[in-house]
Amino acid sequence: PVGTLLFYPMVVLSGLFFPIAVLPSYVQALARVLPVSYAVSLMRGI
């Protein structure tokens, strides 16, 4: 449960389902520090 509560909110803000740019500025700032966002960007780009 602790792992799930930590990881899956990151997925929502990772840019996987919608662009990070459409989020409010403060949420964008949070998304930019989450590692899952960079994982999505890397895998999608490759």
PDB file of all heavy atoms in Angstrom:
ATOM      1  N   PRO A   1       0.806  -1.228   0.000  1.00  0.00           N
ATOM      2  CA  PRO A   1       0.000   0.000   0.000  1.00  0.00           C
ATOM      3  C   PRO A   1       0.834   1.272   0.000  1.00  0.00           C
ATOM      4  O   PRO A   1       0.511   2.230  -0.706  1.00  0.00           O
ATOM      5  CB  PRO A   1      -0.821  -0.123   1.296  1.00  0.00           C
ATOM      6  CG  PRO A   1      -0.864  -1.576   1.582  1.00  0.00           C
ATOM      7  CD  PRO A   1       0.447  -2.112   1.118  1.00  0.00           C
ATOM      8  N   VAL A   2       1.915   1.305   0.795  1.00  0.00           N
ATOM      9  CA  VAL A   2       2.761   2.501   0.842  1.00  0.00           C
ATOM     10  C   VAL A   2       3.413   2.742  -0.513  1.00  0.00           C
ATOM     11  O   VAL A   2       3.458   3.874  -1.010  1.00  0.00           O
ATOM     12  CB  VAL A   2       3.840   2.354   1.943  1.00  0.00           C
ATOM     13  CG1 VAL A   2       4.858   3.488   1.836  1.00  0.00           C
ATOM     14  CG2 VAL A   2       3.199   2.358   3.317  1.00  0.00           C
ATOM     15  N   GLY A   3       3.912   1.667  -1.134  1.00  0.00           N
ATOM     16  CA  GLY A   3       4.513   1.803  -2.454  1.00  0.00           C
ATOM     17  C   GLY A   3       3.514   2.290  -3.489  1.00  0.00           C
ATOM     18  O   GLY A   3       3.830   3.143  -4.321  1.00  0.00           O
ATOM     19  N   THR A   4       2.312   1.759  -3.435  1.00  0.00           N
ATOM     20  CA  THR A   4       1.272   2.167  -4.378  1.00  0.00           C
ATOM     21  C   THR A   4       0.914   3.637  -4.203  1.00  0.00           C
ATOM     22  O   THR A   4       0.781   4.386  -5.190  1.00  0.00           O
ATOM     23  CB  THR A   4       0.014   1.301  -4.188  1.00  0.00           C
ATOM     24  OG1 THR A   4       0.350  -0.071  -4.410  1.00  0.00           O
ATOM     25  CG2 THR A   4      -1.086   1.714  -5.146  1.00  0.00           C
ATOM     26  N   LEU A   5       0.757   4.064  -2.954  1.00  0.00           N
ATOM     27  CA  LEU A   5       0.422   5.464  -2.683  1.00  0.00           C
ATOM     28  C   LEU A   5       1.536   6.414  -3.113  1.00  0.00           C
ATOM     29  O   LEU A   5       1.283   7.581  -3.428  1.00  0.00           O
ATOM     30  CB  LEU A   5       0.124   5.650  -1.193  1.00  0.00           C
ATOM     31  CG  LEU A   5      -1.190   5.045  -0.691  1.00  0.00           C
ATOM     32  CD1 LEU A   5      -1.290   5.155   0.820  1.00  0.00           C
ATOM     33  CD2 LEU A   5      -2.381   5.734  -1.351  1.00  0.00           C
ATOM     34  N   LEU A   6       2.754   5.925  -3.147  1.00  0.00           N
ATOM     35  CA  LEU A   6       3.872   6.761  -3.564  1.00  0.00           C
ATOM     36  C   LEU A   6       3.987   6.826  -5.082  1.00  0.00           C
ATOM     37  O   LEU A   6       4.130   7.907  -5.666  1.00  0.00           O
ATOM     38  CB  LEU A   6       5.178   6.228  -2.973  1.00  0.00           C
ATOM     39  CG  LEU A   6       6.464   6.941  -3.445  1.00  0.00           C
ATOM     40  CD1 LEU A   6       6.481   8.380  -2.951  1.00  0.00           C
ATOM     41  CD2 LEU A   6       7.692   6.183  -2.966  1.00  0.00           C
ATOM     42  N   PHE A   7       3.912   5.677  -5.748  1.00  0.00           N
ATOM     43  CA  PHE A   7       4.229   5.625  -7.170  1.00  0.00           C
ATOM     44  C   PHE A   7       3.088   6.076  -8.082  1.00  0.00           C
ATOM     45  O   PHE A   7       3.313   6.814  -9.044  1.00  0.00           O
ATOM     46  CB  PHE A   7       4.645   4.203  -7.561  1.00  0.00           C
ATOM     47  CG  PHE A   7       6.033   3.839  -7.112  1.00  0.00           C
ATOM     48  CD1 PHE A   7       6.240   2.820  -6.209  1.00  0.00           C
ATOM     49  CD2 PHE A   7       7.133   4.526  -7.602  1.00  0.00           C
ATOM     50  CE1 PHE A   7       7.524   2.478  -5.799  1.00  0.00           C
ATOM     51  CE2 PHE A   7       8.414   4.205  -7.199  1.00  0.00           C
ATOM     52  CZ  PHE A   7       8.612   3.178  -6.292  1.00  0.00           C
ATOM     53  N   TYR A   8       1.867   5.647  -7.806  1.00  0.00           N
ATOM     54  CA  TYR A   8       0.808   5.879  -8.778  1.00  0.00           C
ATOM     55  C   TYR A   8       0.367   7.346  -8.904  1.00  0.00           C
ATOM     56  O   TYR A   8      -0.002   7.768 -10.012  1.00  0.00           O
ATOM     57  CB  TYR A   8      -0.369   4.942  -8.511  1.00  0.00           C
ATOM     58  CG  TYR A   8      -0.067   3.559  -9.015  1.00  0.00           C
ATOM     59  CD1 TYR A   8       0.398   2.568  -8.159  1.00  0.00           C
ATOM     60  CD2 TYR A   8      -0.179   3.248 -10.365  1.00  0.00           C
ATOM     61  CE1 TYR A   8       0.724   1.301  -8.627  1.00  0.00           C
ATOM     62  CE2 TYR A   8       0.143   1.989 -10.841  1.00  0.00           C
ATOM     63  CZ  TYR A   8       0.595   1.021  -9.970  1.00  0.00           C
ATOM     64  OH  TYR A   8       0.927  -0.220 -10.445  1.00  0.00           O
ATOM     65  N   PRO A   9       0.411   8.148  -7.844  1.00  0.00           N
ATOM     66  CA  PRO A   9       0.191   9.587  -8.076  1.00  0.00           C
ATOM     67  C   PRO A   9       1.237  10.201  -9.004  1.00  0.00           C
ATOM     68  O   PRO A   9       0.941  11.151  -9.743  1.00  0.00           O
ATOM     69  CB  PRO A   9       0.277  10.179  -6.658  1.00  0.00           C
ATOM     70  CG  PRO A   9      -0.151   9.068  -5.770  1.00  0.00           C
ATOM     71  CD  PRO A   9       0.416   7.825  -6.399  1.00  0.00           C
ATOM     72  N   MET A  10       2.457   9.661  -8.976  1.00  0.00           N
ATOM     73  CA  MET A  10       3.490  10.145  -9.904  1.00  0.00           C
ATOM     74  C   MET A  10       3.084   9.898 -11.353  1.00  0.00           C
ATOM     75  O   MET A  10       3.379  10.709 -12.237  1.00  0.00           O
ATOM     76  CB  MET A  10       4.824   9.454  -9.624  1.00  0.00           C
ATOM     77  CG  MET A  10       5.476   9.772  -8.300  1.00  0.00           C
ATOM     78  SD  MET A  10       7.131   9.034  -8.239  1.00  0.00           S
ATOM     79  CE  MET A  10       7.560   9.310  -6.521  1.00  0.00           C
ATOM     80  N   VAL A  11       2.420   8.764 -11.591  1.00  0.00           N
ATOM     81  CA  VAL A  11       2.006   8.423 -12.950  1.00  0.00           C
ATOM     82  C   VAL A  11       1.020   9.451 -13.484  1.00  0.00           C
ATOM     83  O   VAL A  11       1.087   9.855 -14.652  1.00  0.00           O
ATOM     84  CB  VAL A  11       1.386   7.011 -12.977  1.00  0.00           C
ATOM     85  CG1 VAL A  11       0.868   6.679 -14.370  1.00  0.00           C
ATOM     86  CG2 VAL A  11       2.403   5.978 -12.526  1.00  0.00           C
ATOM     87  N   VAL A  12       0.108   9.885 -12.632  1.00  0.00           N
ATOM     88  CA  VAL A  12      -0.906  10.857 -13.048  1.00  0.00           C
ATOM     89  C   VAL A  12      -0.258  12.153 -13.516  1.00  0.00           C
ATOM     90  O   VAL A  12      -0.718  12.788 -14.480  1.00  0.00           O
ATOM     91  CB  VAL A  12      -1.884  11.138 -11.888  1.00  0.00           C
ATOM     92  CG1 VAL A  12      -2.895  12.206 -12.282  1.00  0.00           C
ATOM     93  CG2 VAL A  12      -2.594   9.858 -11.477  1.00  0.00           C
ATOM     94  N   LEU A  13       0.834  12.550 -12.870  1.00  0.00           N
ATOM     95  CA  LEU A  13       1.494  13.816 -13.193  1.00  0.00           C
ATOM     96  C   LEU A  13       2.692  13.649 -14.131  1.00  0.00           C
ATOM     97  O   LEU A  13       3.429  14.602 -14.361  1.00  0.00           O
ATOM     98  CB  LEU A  13       1.984  14.485 -11.898  1.00  0.00           C
ATOM     99  CG  LEU A  13       0.923  14.783 -10.841  1.00  0.00           C
ATOM    100  CD1 LEU A  13       1.564  15.385  -9.590  1.00  0.00           C
ATOM    101  CD2 LEU A  13      -0.138  15.729 -11.393  1.00  0.00           C
ATOM    102  N   SER A  14       2.864  12.455 -14.692  1.00  0.00           N
ATOM    103  CA  SER A  14       4.070  12.164 -15.466  1.00  0.00           C
ATOM    104  C   SER A  14       4.017  12.633 -16.911  1.00  0.00           C
ATOM    105  O   SER A  14       5.024  12.594 -17.614  1.00  0.00           O
ATOM    106  CB  SER A  14       4.325  10.651 -15.455  1.00  0.00           C
ATOM    107  OG  SER A  14       3.294   9.976 -16.161  1.00  0.00           O
ATOM    108  N   GLY A  15       2.837  13.052 -17.383  1.00  0.00           N
ATOM    109  CA  GLY A  15       2.691  13.406 -18.785  1.00  0.00           C
ATOM    110  C   GLY A  15       2.305  12.230 -19.652  1.00  0.00           C
ATOM    111  O   GLY A  15       2.244  12.347 -20.877  1.00  0.00           O
ATOM    112  N   LEU A  16       2.013  11.098 -19.040  1.00  0.00           N
ATOM    113  CA  LEU A  16       1.645   9.911 -19.796  1.00  0.00           C
ATOM    114  C   LEU A  16       0.254  10.038 -20.403  1.00  0.00           C
ATOM    115  O   LEU A  16       0.029   9.659 -21.552  1.00  0.00           O
ATOM    116  CB  LEU A  16       1.708   8.680 -18.886  1.00  0.00           C
ATOM    117  CG  LEU A  16       1.332   7.338 -19.521  1.00  0.00           C
ATOM    118  CD1 LEU A  16       2.318   6.978 -20.630  1.00  0.00           C
ATOM    119  CD2 LEU A  16       1.291   6.234 -18.465  1.00  0.00           C
ATOM    120  N   PHE A  17      -0.691  10.583 -19.648  1.00  0.00           N
ATOM    121  CA  PHE A  17      -2.074  10.663 -20.096  1.00  0.00           C
ATOM    122  C   PHE A  17      -2.445  12.027 -20.664  1.00  0.00           C
ATOM    123  O   PHE A  17      -3.360  12.139 -21.471  1.00  0.00           O
ATOM    124  CB  PHE A  17      -3.012  10.318 -18.932  1.00  0.00           C
ATOM    125  CG  PHE A  17      -2.763   8.955 -18.358  1.00  0.00           C
ATOM    126  CD1 PHE A  17      -2.195   8.808 -17.100  1.00  0.00           C
ATOM    127  CD2 PHE A  17      -3.082   7.815 -19.072  1.00  0.00           C
ATOM    128  CE1 PHE A  17      -1.959   7.552 -16.570  1.00  0.00           C
ATOM    129  CE2 PHE A  17      -2.851   6.554 -18.543  1.00  0.00           C
ATOM    130  CZ  PHE A  17      -2.280   6.421 -17.288  1.00  0.00           C
ATOM    131  N   PHE A  18      -1.756  13.058 -20.227  1.00  0.00           N
ATOM    132  CA  PHE A  18      -1.994  14.408 -20.753  1.00  0.00           C
ATOM    133  C   PHE A  18      -0.715  15.217 -20.569  1.00  0.00           C
ATOM    134  O   PHE A  18       0.086  14.923 -19.671  1.00  0.00           O
ATOM    135  CB  PHE A  18      -3.168  15.092 -20.032  1.00  0.00           C
ATOM    136  CG  PHE A  18      -3.133  14.957 -18.539  1.00  0.00           C
ATOM    137  CD1 PHE A  18      -2.343  15.796 -17.764  1.00  0.00           C
ATOM    138  CD2 PHE A  18      -3.894  13.991 -17.892  1.00  0.00           C
ATOM    139  CE1 PHE A  18      -2.304  15.685 -16.376  1.00  0.00           C
ATOM    140  CE2 PHE A  18      -3.866  13.864 -16.518  1.00  0.00           C
ATOM    141  CZ  PHE A  18      -3.072  14.714 -15.767  1.00  0.00           C
ATOM    142  N   PRO A  19      -0.499  16.240 -21.420  1.00  0.00           N
ATOM    143  CA  PRO A  19       0.750  17.009 -21.345  1.00  0.00           C
ATOM    144  C   PRO A  19       0.899  17.723 -20.007  1.00  0.00           C
ATOM    145  O   PRO A  19      -0.072  18.236 -19.433  1.00  0.00           O
ATOM    146  CB  PRO A  19       0.612  18.020 -22.497  1.00  0.00           C
ATOM    147  CG  PRO A  19      -0.415  17.427 -23.406  1.00  0.00           C
ATOM    148  CD  PRO A  19      -1.355  16.667 -22.533  1.00  0.00           C
ATOM    149  N   ILE A  20       2.119  17.755 -19.519  1.00  0.00           N
ATOM    150  CA  ILE A  20       2.392  18.462 -18.265  1.00  0.00           C
ATOM    151  C   ILE A  20       2.086  19.950 -18.413  1.00  0.00           C
ATOM    152  O   ILE A  20       1.696  20.620 -17.456  1.00  0.00           O
ATOM    153  CB  ILE A  20       3.858  18.246 -17.845  1.00  0.00           C
ATOM    154  CG1 ILE A  20       4.086  16.764 -17.518  1.00  0.00           C
ATOM    155  CG2 ILE A  20       4.230  19.116 -16.648  1.00  0.00           C
ATOM    156  CD1 ILE A  20       5.511  16.430 -17.154  1.00  0.00           C
ATOM    157  N   ALA A  21       2.207  20.466 -19.629  1.00  0.00           N
ATOM    158  CA  ALA A  21       2.015  21.898 -19.876  1.00  0.00           C
ATOM    159  C   ALA A  21       0.587  22.371 -19.592  1.00  0.00           C
ATOM    160  O   ALA A  21       0.370  23.567 -19.367  1.00  0.00           O
ATOM    161  CB  ALA A  21       2.390  22.241 -21.319  1.00  0.00           C
ATOM    162  N   VAL A  22      -0.388  21.466 -19.587  1.00  0.00           N
ATOM    163  CA  VAL A  22      -1.774  21.880 -19.341  1.00  0.00           C
ATOM    164  C   VAL A  22      -2.072  21.993 -17.854  1.00  0.00           C
ATOM    165  O   VAL A  22      -3.141  22.485 -17.476  1.00  0.00           O
ATOM    166  CB  VAL A  22      -2.760  20.900 -20.002  1.00  0.00           C
ATOM    167  CG1 VAL A  22      -2.474  20.752 -21.479  1.00  0.00           C
ATOM    168  CG2 VAL A  22      -2.741  19.527 -19.323  1.00  0.00           C
ATOM    169  N   LEU A  23      -1.159  21.561 -17.017  1.00  0.00           N
ATOM    170  CA  LEU A  23      -1.370  21.608 -15.572  1.00  0.00           C
ATOM    171  C   LEU A  23      -1.113  23.008 -15.041  1.00  0.00           C
ATOM    172  O   LEU A  23      -0.390  23.803 -15.675  1.00  0.00           O
ATOM    173  CB  LEU A  23      -0.430  20.615 -14.877  1.00  0.00           C
ATOM    174  CG  LEU A  23      -0.604  19.138 -15.234  1.00  0.00           C
ATOM    175  CD1 LEU A  23       0.522  18.311 -14.626  1.00  0.00           C
ATOM    176  CD2 LEU A  23      -1.955  18.624 -14.744  1.00  0.00           C
ATOM    177  N   PRO A  24      -1.665  23.349 -13.885  1.00  0.00           N
ATOM    178  CA  PRO A  24      -1.334  24.634 -13.250  1.00  0.00           C
ATOM    179  C   PRO A  24       0.176  24.728 -13.003  1.00  0.00           C
ATOM    180  O   PRO A  24       0.858  23.721 -12.851  1.00  0.00           O
ATOM    181  CB  PRO A  24      -2.115  24.590 -11.928  1.00  0.00           C
ATOM    182  CG  PRO A  24      -3.229  23.623 -12.183  1.00  0.00           C
ATOM    183  CD  PRO A  24      -2.688  22.601 -13.131  1.00  0.00           C
ATOM    184  N   SER A  25       0.666  25.951 -12.931  1.00  0.00           N
ATOM    185  CA  SER A  25       2.115  26.166 -12.842  1.00  0.00           C
ATOM    186  C   SER A  25       2.735  25.471 -11.622  1.00  0.00           C
ATOM    187  O   SER A  25       3.819  24.881 -11.722  1.00  0.00           O
ATOM    188  CB  SER A  25       2.425  27.660 -12.801  1.00  0.00           C
ATOM    189  OG  SER A  25       1.739  28.269 -11.714  1.00  0.00           O
ATOM    190  N   TYR A  26       2.047  25.510 -10.486  1.00  0.00           N
ATOM    191  CA  TYR A  26       2.625  24.893  -9.295  1.00  0.00           C
ATOM    192  C   TYR A  26       2.628  23.369  -9.402  1.00  0.00           C
ATOM    193  O   TYR A  26       3.498  22.702  -8.853  1.00  0.00           O
ATOM    194  CB  TYR A  26       1.872  25.347  -8.034  1.00  0.00           C
ATOM    195  CG  TYR A  26       0.414  24.946  -7.973  1.00  0.00           C
ATOM    196  CD1 TYR A  26       0.025  23.751  -7.370  1.00  0.00           C
ATOM    197  CD2 TYR A  26      -0.576  25.765  -8.512  1.00  0.00           C
ATOM    198  CE1 TYR A  26      -1.314  23.389  -7.308  1.00  0.00           C
ATOM    199  CE2 TYR A  26      -1.910  25.398  -8.467  1.00  0.00           C
ATOM    200  CZ  TYR A  26      -2.277  24.215  -7.868  1.00  0.00           C
ATOM    201  OH  TYR A  26      -3.598  23.851  -7.820  1.00  0.00           O
ATOM    202  N   VAL A  27       1.635  22.810 -10.110  1.00  0.00           N
ATOM    203  CA  VAL A  27       1.615  21.369 -10.321  1.00  0.00           C
ATOM    204  C   VAL A  27       2.681  20.980 -11.343  1.00  0.00           C
ATOM    205  O   VAL A  27       3.317  19.932 -11.225  1.00  0.00           O
ATOM    206  CB  VAL A  27       0.230  20.898 -10.789  1.00  0.00           C
ATOM    207  CG1 VAL A  27       0.200  19.386 -10.971  1.00  0.00           C
ATOM    208  CG2 VAL A  27      -0.842  21.322  -9.783  1.00  0.00           C
ATOM    209  N   GLN A  28       2.898  21.836 -12.336  1.00  0.00           N
ATOM    210  CA  GLN A  28       3.977  21.595 -13.298  1.00  0.00           C
ATOM    211  C   GLN A  28       5.322  21.530 -12.588  1.00  0.00           C
ATOM    212  O   GLN A  28       6.165  20.674 -12.897  1.00  0.00           O
ATOM    213  CB  GLN A  28       4.012  22.698 -14.356  1.00  0.00           C
ATOM    214  CG  GLN A  28       2.874  22.663 -15.343  1.00  0.00           C
ATOM    215  CD  GLN A  28       3.047  23.698 -16.448  1.00  0.00           C
ATOM    216  OE1 GLN A  28       4.151  23.920 -16.930  1.00  0.00           O
ATOM    217  NE2 GLN A  28       1.956  24.331 -16.840  1.00  0.00           N
ATOM    218  N   ALA A  29       5.528  22.432 -11.634  1.00  0.00           N
ATOM    219  CA  ALA A  29       6.790  22.451 -10.892  1.00  0.00           C
ATOM    220  C   ALA A  29       6.979  21.132 -10.135  1.00  0.00           C
ATOM    221  O   ALA A  29       8.090  20.589 -10.074  1.00  0.00           O
ATOM    222  CB  ALA A  29       6.806  23.626  -9.923  1.00  0.00           C
ATOM    223  N   LEU A  30       5.885  20.613  -9.576  1.00  0.00           N
ATOM    224  CA  LEU A  30       5.960  19.330  -8.877  1.00  0.00           C
ATOM    225  C   LEU A  30       6.263  18.198  -9.853  1.00  0.00           C
ATOM    226  O   LEU A  30       7.101  17.332  -9.581  1.00  0.00           O
ATOM    227  CB  LEU A  30       4.635  19.063  -8.151  1.00  0.00           C
ATOM    228  CG  LEU A  30       4.488  17.687  -7.476  1.00  0.00           C
ATOM    229  CD1 LEU A  30       5.556  17.501  -6.407  1.00  0.00           C
ATOM    230  CD2 LEU A  30       3.090  17.530  -6.887  1.00  0.00           C
ATOM    231  N   ALA A  31       5.583  18.217 -11.008  1.00  0.00           N
ATOM    232  CA  ALA A  31       5.780  17.158 -12.001  1.00  0.00           C
ATOM    233  C   ALA A  31       7.215  17.134 -12.500  1.00  0.00           C
ATOM    234  O   ALA A  31       7.759  16.065 -12.803  1.00  0.00           O
ATOM    235  CB  ALA A  31       4.819  17.357 -13.170  1.00  0.00           C
ATOM    236  N   ARG A  32       7.854  18.313 -12.567  1.00  0.00           N
ATOM    237  CA  ARG A  32       9.222  18.387 -13.100  1.00  0.00           C
ATOM    238  C   ARG A  32      10.253  17.764 -12.162  1.00  0.00           C
ATOM    239  O   ARG A  32      11.365  17.476 -12.589  1.00  0.00           O
ATOM    240  CB  ARG A  32       9.596  19.849 -13.347  1.00  0.00           C
ATOM    241  CG  ARG A  32       8.735  20.564 -14.389  1.00  0.00           C
ATOM    242  CD  ARG A  32       8.845  19.947 -15.756  1.00  0.00           C
ATOM    243  NE  ARG A  32       8.037  20.667 -16.732  1.00  0.00           N
ATOM    244  CZ  ARG A  32       7.802  20.241 -17.969  1.00  0.00           C
ATOM    245  NH1 ARG A  32       8.323  19.090 -18.361  1.00  0.00           N
ATOM    246  NH2 ARG A  32       7.053  20.936 -18.791  1.00  0.00           N
ATOM    247  N   VAL A  33       9.893  17.548 -10.906  1.00  0.00           N
ATOM    248  CA  VAL A  33      10.850  16.945  -9.976  1.00  0.00           C
ATOM    249  C   VAL A  33      10.555  15.463  -9.737  1.00  0.00           C
ATOM    250  O   VAL A  33      11.303  14.804  -9.015  1.00  0.00           O
ATOM    251  CB  VAL A  33      10.869  17.694  -8.622  1.00  0.00           C
ATOM    252  CG1 VAL A  33      11.252  19.143  -8.825  1.00  0.00           C
ATOM    253  CG2 VAL A  33       9.519  17.594  -7.910  1.00  0.00           C
ATOM    254  N   LEU A  34       9.500  14.963 -10.340  1.00  0.00           N
ATOM    255  CA  LEU A  34       9.155  13.560 -10.159  1.00  0.00           C
ATOM    256  C   LEU A  34       9.907  12.708 -11.178  1.00  0.00           C
ATOM    257  O   LEU A  34       9.866  12.978 -12.380  1.00  0.00           O
ATOM    258  CB  LEU A  34       7.647  13.358 -10.324  1.00  0.00           C
ATOM    259  CG  LEU A  34       6.756  14.070  -9.304  1.00  0.00           C
ATOM    260  CD1 LEU A  34       5.289  13.828  -9.629  1.00  0.00           C
ATOM    261  CD2 LEU A  34       7.073  13.599  -7.892  1.00  0.00           C
ATOM    262  N   PRO A  35      10.591  11.679 -10.744  1.00  0.00           N
ATOM    263  CA  PRO A  35      11.400  10.857 -11.659  1.00  0.00           C
ATOM    264  C   PRO A  35      10.582  10.149 -12.726  1.00  0.00           C
ATOM    265  O   PRO A  35      11.079   9.905 -13.832  1.00  0.00           O
ATOM    266  CB  PRO A  35      12.088   9.856 -10.718  1.00  0.00           C
ATOM    267  CG  PRO A  35      11.246   9.835  -9.492  1.00  0.00           C
ATOM    268  CD  PRO A  35      10.695  11.211  -9.344  1.00  0.00           C
ATOM    269  N   VAL A  36       9.333   9.798 -12.420  1.00  0.00           N
ATOM    270  CA  VAL A  36       8.509   9.087 -13.391  1.00  0.00           C
ATOM    271  C   VAL A  36       8.271   9.941 -14.633  1.00  0.00           C
ATOM    272  O   VAL A  36       8.150   9.424 -15.747  1.00  0.00           O
ATOM    273  CB  VAL A  36       7.178   8.644 -12.752  1.00  0.00           C
ATOM    274  CG1 VAL A  36       6.268   7.989 -13.780  1.00  0.00           C
ATOM    275  CG2 VAL A  36       7.432   7.677 -11.605  1.00  0.00           C
ATOM    276  N   SER A  37       8.223  11.265 -14.474  1.00  0.00           N
ATOM    277  CA  SER A  37       8.044  12.164 -15.618  1.00  0.00           C
ATOM    278  C   SER A  37       9.196  12.010 -16.606  1.00  0.00           C
ATOM    279  O   SER A  37       8.998  11.988 -17.826  1.00  0.00           O
ATOM    280  CB  SER A  37       7.949  13.615 -15.145  1.00  0.00           C
ATOM    281  OG  SER A  37       6.878  13.796 -14.242  1.00  0.00           O
ATOM    282  N   TYR A  38      10.400  11.889 -16.082  1.00  0.00           N
ATOM    283  CA  TYR A  38      11.574  11.731 -16.947  1.00  0.00           C
ATOM    284  C   TYR A  38      11.616  10.339 -17.563  1.00  0.00           C
ATOM    285  O   TYR A  38      12.089  10.176 -18.698  1.00  0.00           O
ATOM    286  CB  TYR A  38      12.839  12.023 -16.143  1.00  0.00           C
ATOM    287  CG  TYR A  38      12.897  13.442 -15.647  1.00  0.00           C
ATOM    288  CD1 TYR A  38      12.542  13.759 -14.343  1.00  0.00           C
ATOM    289  CD2 TYR A  38      13.275  14.482 -16.498  1.00  0.00           C
ATOM    290  CE1 TYR A  38      12.564  15.073 -13.889  1.00  0.00           C
ATOM    291  CE2 TYR A  38      13.304  15.798 -16.049  1.00  0.00           C
ATOM    292  CZ  TYR A  38      12.944  16.090 -14.749  1.00  0.00           C
ATOM    293  OH  TYR A  38      12.968  17.388 -14.307  1.00  0.00           O
ATOM    294  N   ALA A  39      11.136   9.348 -16.844  1.00  0.00           N
ATOM    295  CA  ALA A  39      11.079   7.995 -17.394  1.00  0.00           C
ATOM    296  C   ALA A  39      10.116   7.945 -18.575  1.00  0.00           C
ATOM    297  O   ALA A  39      10.421   7.351 -19.620  1.00  0.00           O
ATOM    298  CB  ALA A  39      10.646   7.009 -16.308  1.00  0.00           C
ATOM    299  N   VAL A  40       8.964   8.590 -18.431  1.00  0.00           N
ATOM    300  CA  VAL A  40       7.984   8.634 -19.520  1.00  0.00           C
ATOM    301  C   VAL A  40       8.559   9.369 -20.724  1.00  0.00           C
ATOM    302  O   VAL A  40       8.440   8.911 -21.869  1.00  0.00           O
ATOM    303  CB  VAL A  40       6.678   9.313 -19.046  1.00  0.00           C
ATOM    304  CG1 VAL A  40       5.778   9.640 -20.232  1.00  0.00           C
ATOM    305  CG2 VAL A  40       5.947   8.416 -18.061  1.00  0.00           C
ATOM    306  N   SER A  41       9.194  10.508 -20.484  1.00  0.00           N
ATOM    307  CA  SER A  41       9.783  11.283 -21.572  1.00  0.00           C
ATOM    308  C   SER A  41      10.845  10.480 -22.314  1.00  0.00           C
ATOM    309  O   SER A  41      10.892  10.483 -23.555  1.00  0.00           O
ATOM    310  CB  SER A  41      10.391  12.571 -21.012  1.00  0.00           C
ATOM    311  OG  SER A  41      11.051  13.305 -22.035  1.00  0.00           O
ATOM    312  N   LEU A  42      11.686   9.776 -21.563  1.00  0.00           N
ATOM    313  CA  LEU A  42      12.753   8.986 -22.180  1.00  0.00           C
ATOM    314  C   LEU A  42      12.180   7.836 -23.006  1.00  0.00           C
ATOM    315  O   LEU A  42      12.539   7.671 -24.189  1.00  0.00           O
ATOM    316  CB  LEU A  42      13.682   8.440 -21.090  1.00  0.00           C
ATOM    317  CG  LEU A  42      14.789   7.497 -21.570  1.00  0.00           C
ATOM    318  CD1 LEU A  42      15.757   8.234 -22.486  1.00  0.00           C
ATOM    319  CD2 LEU A  42      15.522   6.884 -20.376  1.00  0.00           C
ATOM    320  N   MET A  43      11.303   7.041 -22.418  1.00  0.00           N
ATOM    321  CA  MET A  43      10.775   5.882 -23.123  1.00  0.00           C
ATOM    322  C   MET A  43       9.936   6.284 -24.327  1.00  0.00           C
ATOM    323  O   MET A  43      10.023   5.668 -25.393  1.00  0.00           O
ATOM    324  CB  MET A  43       9.958   5.013 -22.159  1.00  0.00           C
ATOM    325  CG  MET A  43      10.812   4.336 -21.088  1.00  0.00           C
ATOM    326  SD  MET A  43       9.921   3.121 -20.077  1.00  0.00           S
ATOM    327  CE  MET A  43       8.836   4.187 -19.111  1.00  0.00           C
ATOM    328  N   ARG A  44       9.136   7.320 -24.173  1.00  0.00           N
ATOM    329  CA  ARG A  44       8.314   7.789 -25.289  1.00  0.00           C
ATOM    330  C   ARG A  44       9.192   8.301 -26.430  1.00  0.00           C
ATOM    331  O   ARG A  44       8.945   8.005 -27.607  1.00  0.00           O
ATOM    332  CB  ARG A  44       7.377   8.893 -24.805  1.00  0.00           C
ATOM    333  CG  ARG A  44       6.542   9.525 -25.913  1.00  0.00           C
ATOM    334  CD  ARG A  44       5.670  10.620 -25.332  1.00  0.00           C
ATOM    335  NE  ARG A  44       4.565  10.073 -24.556  1.00  0.00           N
ATOM    336  CZ  ARG A  44       3.880  10.775 -23.650  1.00  0.00           C
ATOM    337  NH1 ARG A  44       4.242  12.005 -23.367  1.00  0.00           N
ATOM    338  NH2 ARG A  44       2.869  10.224 -23.020  1.00  0.00           N
ATOM    339  N   GLY A  45      10.226   9.063 -26.086  1.00  0.00           N
ATOM    340  CA  GLY A  45      11.101   9.616 -27.117  1.00  0.00           C
ATOM    341  C   GLY A  45      11.879   8.544 -27.859  1.00  0.00           C
ATOM    342  O   GLY A  45      11.983   8.568 -29.091  1.00  0.00           O
ATOM    343  N   ILE A  46      12.411   7.570 -27.120  1.00  0.00           N
ATOM    344  CA  ILE A  46      13.171   6.491 -27.756  1.00  0.00           C
ATOM    345  C   ILE A  46      12.256   5.658 -28.644  1.00  0.00           C
ATOM    346  O   ILE A  46      12.641   5.238 -29.738  1.00  0.00           O
ATOM    347  CB  ILE A  46      13.855   5.611 -26.692  1.00  0.00           C
ATOM    348  CG1 ILE A  46      14.888   6.436 -25.906  1.00  0.00           C
ATOM    349  CG2 ILE A  46      14.534   4.415 -27.347  1.00  0.00           C
ATOM    350  CD1 ILE A  46      15.989   7.037 -26.744  1.00  0.00           C
TER     351      ILE A  46
END
